[in-house]
C-alpha atoms as a PDB file:
ATOM      1  CA  UNK A   1     -69.117  81.102 -91.909  1.00  0.00           C
ATOM      2  CA  UNK A   2     -67.899  82.322 -88.509  1.00  0.00           C
ATOM      3  CA  UNK A   3     -68.891  78.998 -86.935  1.00  0.00           C
ATOM      4  CA  UNK A   4     -66.895  77.092 -89.546  1.00  0.00           C
ATOM      5  CA  UNK A   5     -63.871  79.302 -88.891  1.00  0.00           C
ATOM      6  CA  UNK A   6     -64.221  78.769 -85.134  1.00  0.00           C
ATOM      7  CA  UNK A   7     -64.490  74.985 -85.545  1.00  0.00           C
ATOM      8  CA  UNK A   8     -61.400  74.984 -87.766  1.00  0.00           C
ATOM      9  CA  UNK A   9     -59.475  77.037 -85.226  1.00  0.00           C
ATOM     10  CA  UNK A  10     -60.475  74.756 -82.343  1.00  0.00           C
ATOM     11  CA  UNK A  11     -59.544  71.642 -84.300  1.00  0.00           C
ATOM     12  CA  UNK A  12     -56.143  73.052 -85.202  1.00  0.00           C
ATOM     13  CA  UNK A  13     -55.398  74.187 -81.649  1.00  0.00           C
ATOM     14  CA  UNK A  14     -56.393  70.808 -80.184  1.00  0.00           C
ATOM     15  CA  UNK A  15     -53.864  69.107 -82.451  1.00  0.00           C
ATOM     16  CA  UNK A  16     -51.138  71.228 -80.887  1.00  0.00           C
ATOM     17  CA  UNK A  17     -52.437  70.447 -77.409  1.00  0.00           C
ATOM     18  CA  UNK A  18     -51.931  66.713 -77.920  1.00  0.00           C
ATOM     19  CA  UNK A  19     -49.368  65.333 -75.515  1.00  0.00           C
ATOM     20  CA  UNK A  20     -46.525  63.061 -76.507  1.00  0.00           C
ATOM     21  CA  UNK A  21     -46.651  60.966 -73.338  1.00  0.00           C
ATOM     22  CA  UNK A  22     -43.524  58.999 -74.196  1.00  0.00           C
ATOM     23  CA  UNK A  23     -41.402  62.121 -74.665  1.00  0.00           C
ATOM     24  CA  UNK A  24     -42.875  63.775 -71.565  1.00  0.00           C
ATOM     25  CA  UNK A  25     -42.228  60.615 -69.561  1.00  0.00           C
ATOM     26  CA  UNK A  26     -38.584  60.451 -70.614  1.00  0.00           C
ATOM     27  CA  UNK A  27     -37.973  64.162 -70.065  1.00  0.00           C
ATOM     28  CA  UNK A  28     -39.964  64.871 -66.913  1.00  0.00           C
ATOM     29  CA  UNK A  29     -41.220  61.763 -65.127  1.00  0.00           C
ATOM     30  CA  UNK A  30     -38.489  59.131 -65.566  1.00  0.00           C
ATOM     31  CA  UNK A  31     -35.885  61.231 -63.701  1.00  0.00           C
ATOM     32  CA  UNK A  32     -38.284  61.569 -60.751  1.00  0.00           C
ATOM     33  CA  UNK A  33     -38.985  57.839 -60.701  1.00  0.00           C
ATOM     34  CA  UNK A  34     -35.277  57.062 -61.079  1.00  0.00           C
ATOM     35  CA  UNK A  35     -34.509  59.010 -57.915  1.00  0.00           C
ATOM     36  CA  UNK A  36     -37.393  57.780 -55.758  1.00  0.00           C
ATOM     37  CA  UNK A  37     -38.758  54.502 -57.150  1.00  0.00           C
ATOM     38  CA  UNK A  38     -36.467  52.521 -59.428  1.00  0.00           C
ATOM     39  CA  UNK A  39     -34.216  51.317 -56.606  1.00  0.00           C
ATOM     40  CA  UNK A  40     -36.958  48.876 -55.545  1.00  0.00           C
ATOM     41  CA  UNK A  41     -39.256  48.879 -58.566  1.00  0.00           C
ATOM     42  CA  UNK A  42     -37.177  47.383 -61.361  1.00  0.00           C
ATOM     43  CA  UNK A  43     -36.309  43.868 -62.409  1.00  0.00           C
ATOM     44  CA  UNK A  44     -32.681  43.124 -61.619  1.00  0.00           C
ATOM     45  CA  UNK A  45     -30.398  40.171 -61.118  1.00  0.00           C
ATOM     46  CA  UNK A  46     -33.178  37.730 -61.952  1.00  0.00           C
ATOM     47  CA  UNK A  47     -35.492  39.189 -59.302  1.00  0.00           C
ATOM     48  CA  UNK A  48     -38.896  40.674 -59.951  1.00  0.00           C
ATOM     49  CA  UNK A  49     -39.569  44.274 -58.938  1.00  0.00           C
ATOM     50  CA  UNK A  50     -41.252  44.811 -55.573  1.00  0.00           C
ATOM     51  CA  UNK A  51     -45.027  44.550 -55.796  1.00  0.00           C
ATOM     52  CA  UNK A  52     -44.674  43.574 -59.435  1.00  0.00           C
ATOM     53  CA  UNK A  53     -44.356  47.291 -60.264  1.00  0.00           C
ATOM     54  CA  UNK A  54     -41.569  48.161 -62.703  1.00  0.00           C
ATOM     55  CA  UNK A  55     -40.933  51.916 -62.856  1.00  0.00           C
ATOM     56  CA  UNK A  56     -38.381  51.781 -65.679  1.00  0.00           C
ATOM     57  CA  UNK A  57     -40.629  52.409 -68.690  1.00  0.00           C
ATOM     58  CA  UNK A  58     -43.842  54.219 -69.484  1.00  0.00           C
ATOM     59  CA  UNK A  59     -45.586  51.009 -70.551  1.00  0.00           C
ATOM     60  CA  UNK A  60     -44.719  49.314 -67.268  1.00  0.00           C
ATOM     61  CA  UNK A  61     -45.716  52.334 -65.197  1.00  0.00           C
ATOM     62  CA  UNK A  62     -49.098  52.558 -66.924  1.00  0.00           C
ATOM     63  CA  UNK A  63     -49.660  48.843 -66.350  1.00  0.00           C
ATOM     64  CA  UNK A  64     -48.905  49.125 -62.659  1.00  0.00           C
ATOM     65  CA  UNK A  65     -48.178  46.360 -60.197  1.00  0.00           C
ATOM     66  CA  UNK A  66     -49.960  43.256 -59.094  1.00  0.00           C
ATOM     67  CA  UNK A  67     -51.327  44.759 -55.870  1.00  0.00           C
ATOM     68  CA  UNK A  68     -52.495  48.318 -56.457  1.00  0.00           C
ATOM     69  CA  UNK A  69     -53.854  48.139 -59.997  1.00  0.00           C
ATOM     70  CA  UNK A  70     -53.101  50.452 -62.888  1.00  0.00           C
ATOM     71  CA  UNK A  71     -50.165  52.748 -62.271  1.00  0.00           C
ATOM     72  CA  UNK A  72     -51.675  55.407 -64.510  1.00  0.00           C
ATOM     73  CA  UNK A  73     -55.257  55.866 -65.586  1.00  0.00           C
ATOM     74  CA  UNK A  74     -54.983  58.753 -68.046  1.00  0.00           C
ATOM     75  CA  UNK A  75     -56.972  61.777 -66.977  1.00  0.00           C
ATOM     76  CA  UNK A  76     -57.786  60.435 -63.492  1.00  0.00           C
ATOM     77  CA  UNK A  77     -55.318  60.654 -60.619  1.00  0.00           C
ATOM     78  CA  UNK A  78     -57.862  59.055 -58.262  1.00  0.00           C
ATOM     79  CA  UNK A  79     -57.533  55.793 -60.229  1.00  0.00           C
ATOM     80  CA  UNK A  80     -53.766  56.041 -60.727  1.00  0.00           C
ATOM     81  CA  UNK A  81     -51.956  54.006 -58.080  1.00  0.00           C
ATOM     82  CA  UNK A  82     -48.627  55.682 -58.868  1.00  0.00           C
ATOM     83  CA  UNK A  83     -50.014  59.099 -58.010  1.00  0.00           C
ATOM     84  CA  UNK A  84     -51.916  57.925 -54.940  1.00  0.00           C
ATOM     85  CA  UNK A  85     -48.876  56.137 -53.489  1.00  0.00           C
ATOM     86  CA  UNK A  86     -46.558  59.081 -54.140  1.00  0.00           C
ATOM     87  CA  UNK A  87     -49.066  61.536 -52.679  1.00  0.00           C
ATOM     88  CA  UNK A  88     -49.287  59.424 -49.517  1.00  0.00           C
ATOM     89  CA  UNK A  89     -45.498  59.496 -49.359  1.00  0.00           C
ATOM     90  CA  UNK A  90     -45.813  63.240 -48.781  1.00  0.00           C
ATOM     91  CA  UNK A  91     -49.101  63.595 -46.899  1.00  0.00           C
ATOM     92  CA  UNK A  92     -49.108  60.414 -44.786  1.00  0.00           C
ATOM     93  CA  UNK A  93     -45.769  58.591 -44.879  1.00  0.00           C
ATOM     94  CA  UNK A  94     -46.927  56.203 -42.119  1.00  0.00           C
ATOM     95  CA  UNK A  95     -49.627  54.750 -44.393  1.00  0.00           C
ATOM     96  CA  UNK A  96     -48.787  51.244 -45.610  1.00  0.00           C
ATOM     97  CA  UNK A  97     -49.451  52.319 -49.215  1.00  0.00           C
ATOM     98  CA  UNK A  98     -47.136  55.365 -49.011  1.00  0.00           C
ATOM     99  CA  UNK A  99     -44.211  55.313 -51.426  1.00  0.00           C
ATOM    100  CA  UNK A 100     -41.431  55.241 -50.816  1.00  0.00           C
ATOM    101  CA  UNK A 101     -42.033  53.435 -47.525  1.00  0.00           C
ATOM    102  CA  UNK A 102     -41.084  55.339 -44.398  1.00  0.00           C
ATOM    103  CA  UNK A 103     -39.024  52.381 -43.160  1.00  0.00           C
ATOM    104  CA  UNK A 104     -36.730  52.530 -46.205  1.00  0.00           C
ATOM    105  CA  UNK A 105     -33.380  53.874 -44.971  1.00  0.00           C
ATOM    106  CA  UNK A 106     -32.495  55.890 -48.075  1.00  0.00           C
ATOM    107  CA  UNK A 107     -36.080  57.090 -48.614  1.00  0.00           C
ATOM    108  CA  UNK A 108     -36.437  59.962 -51.084  1.00  0.00           C
ATOM    109  CA  UNK A 109     -40.072  61.028 -51.224  1.00  0.00           C
ATOM    110  CA  UNK A 110     -41.259  63.199 -54.076  1.00  0.00           C
ATOM    111  CA  UNK A 111     -41.355  66.933 -53.496  1.00  0.00           C
ATOM    112  CA  UNK A 112     -44.627  68.807 -53.848  1.00  0.00           C
ATOM    113  CA  UNK A 113     -43.327  70.192 -57.141  1.00  0.00           C
ATOM    114  CA  UNK A 114     -42.541  66.705 -58.450  1.00  0.00           C
ATOM    115  CA  UNK A 115     -45.968  65.469 -57.358  1.00  0.00           C
ATOM    116  CA  UNK A 116     -47.578  68.395 -59.204  1.00  0.00           C
ATOM    117  CA  UNK A 117     -45.587  67.468 -62.324  1.00  0.00           C
ATOM    118  CA  UNK A 118     -46.755  63.846 -62.018  1.00  0.00           C
ATOM    119  CA  UNK A 119     -50.349  65.008 -61.598  1.00  0.00           C
ATOM    120  CA  UNK A 120     -50.176  67.211 -64.699  1.00  0.00           C
ATOM    121  CA  UNK A 121     -48.633  64.336 -66.676  1.00  0.00           C
ATOM    122  CA  UNK A 122     -51.425  61.927 -65.711  1.00  0.00           C
ATOM    123  CA  UNK A 123     -54.167  64.476 -66.326  1.00  0.00           C
ATOM    124  CA  UNK A 124     -52.830  65.393 -69.788  1.00  0.00           C
ATOM    125  CA  UNK A 125     -54.667  63.618 -72.567  1.00  0.00           C
END
């Protein structure tokens, strides 16, 4: 009986732990991307976004660009090109894969706090 009660409790608590990725993206991640990424990574005036990566919607971010692969691989930052590029923007801005690129005049790299928020978002299932 105690096992059944424990299983019921775990099942109920896991339902509350489910993440609404779309809502979290709009509330927490989109504003970060708007400030640091969307300037180059959005389709505008008939032009494709740089690298084929469009940072304006969750679906596009998950899909990623044509060069670096999936933007987000849920649960795995090591396979998420968005995270890896943003992390390089902080840790090694001279790297060719660092985003935003060091040569960009109005470069606004993510803060460590923003990177941590992005990491938590990707790792949430």
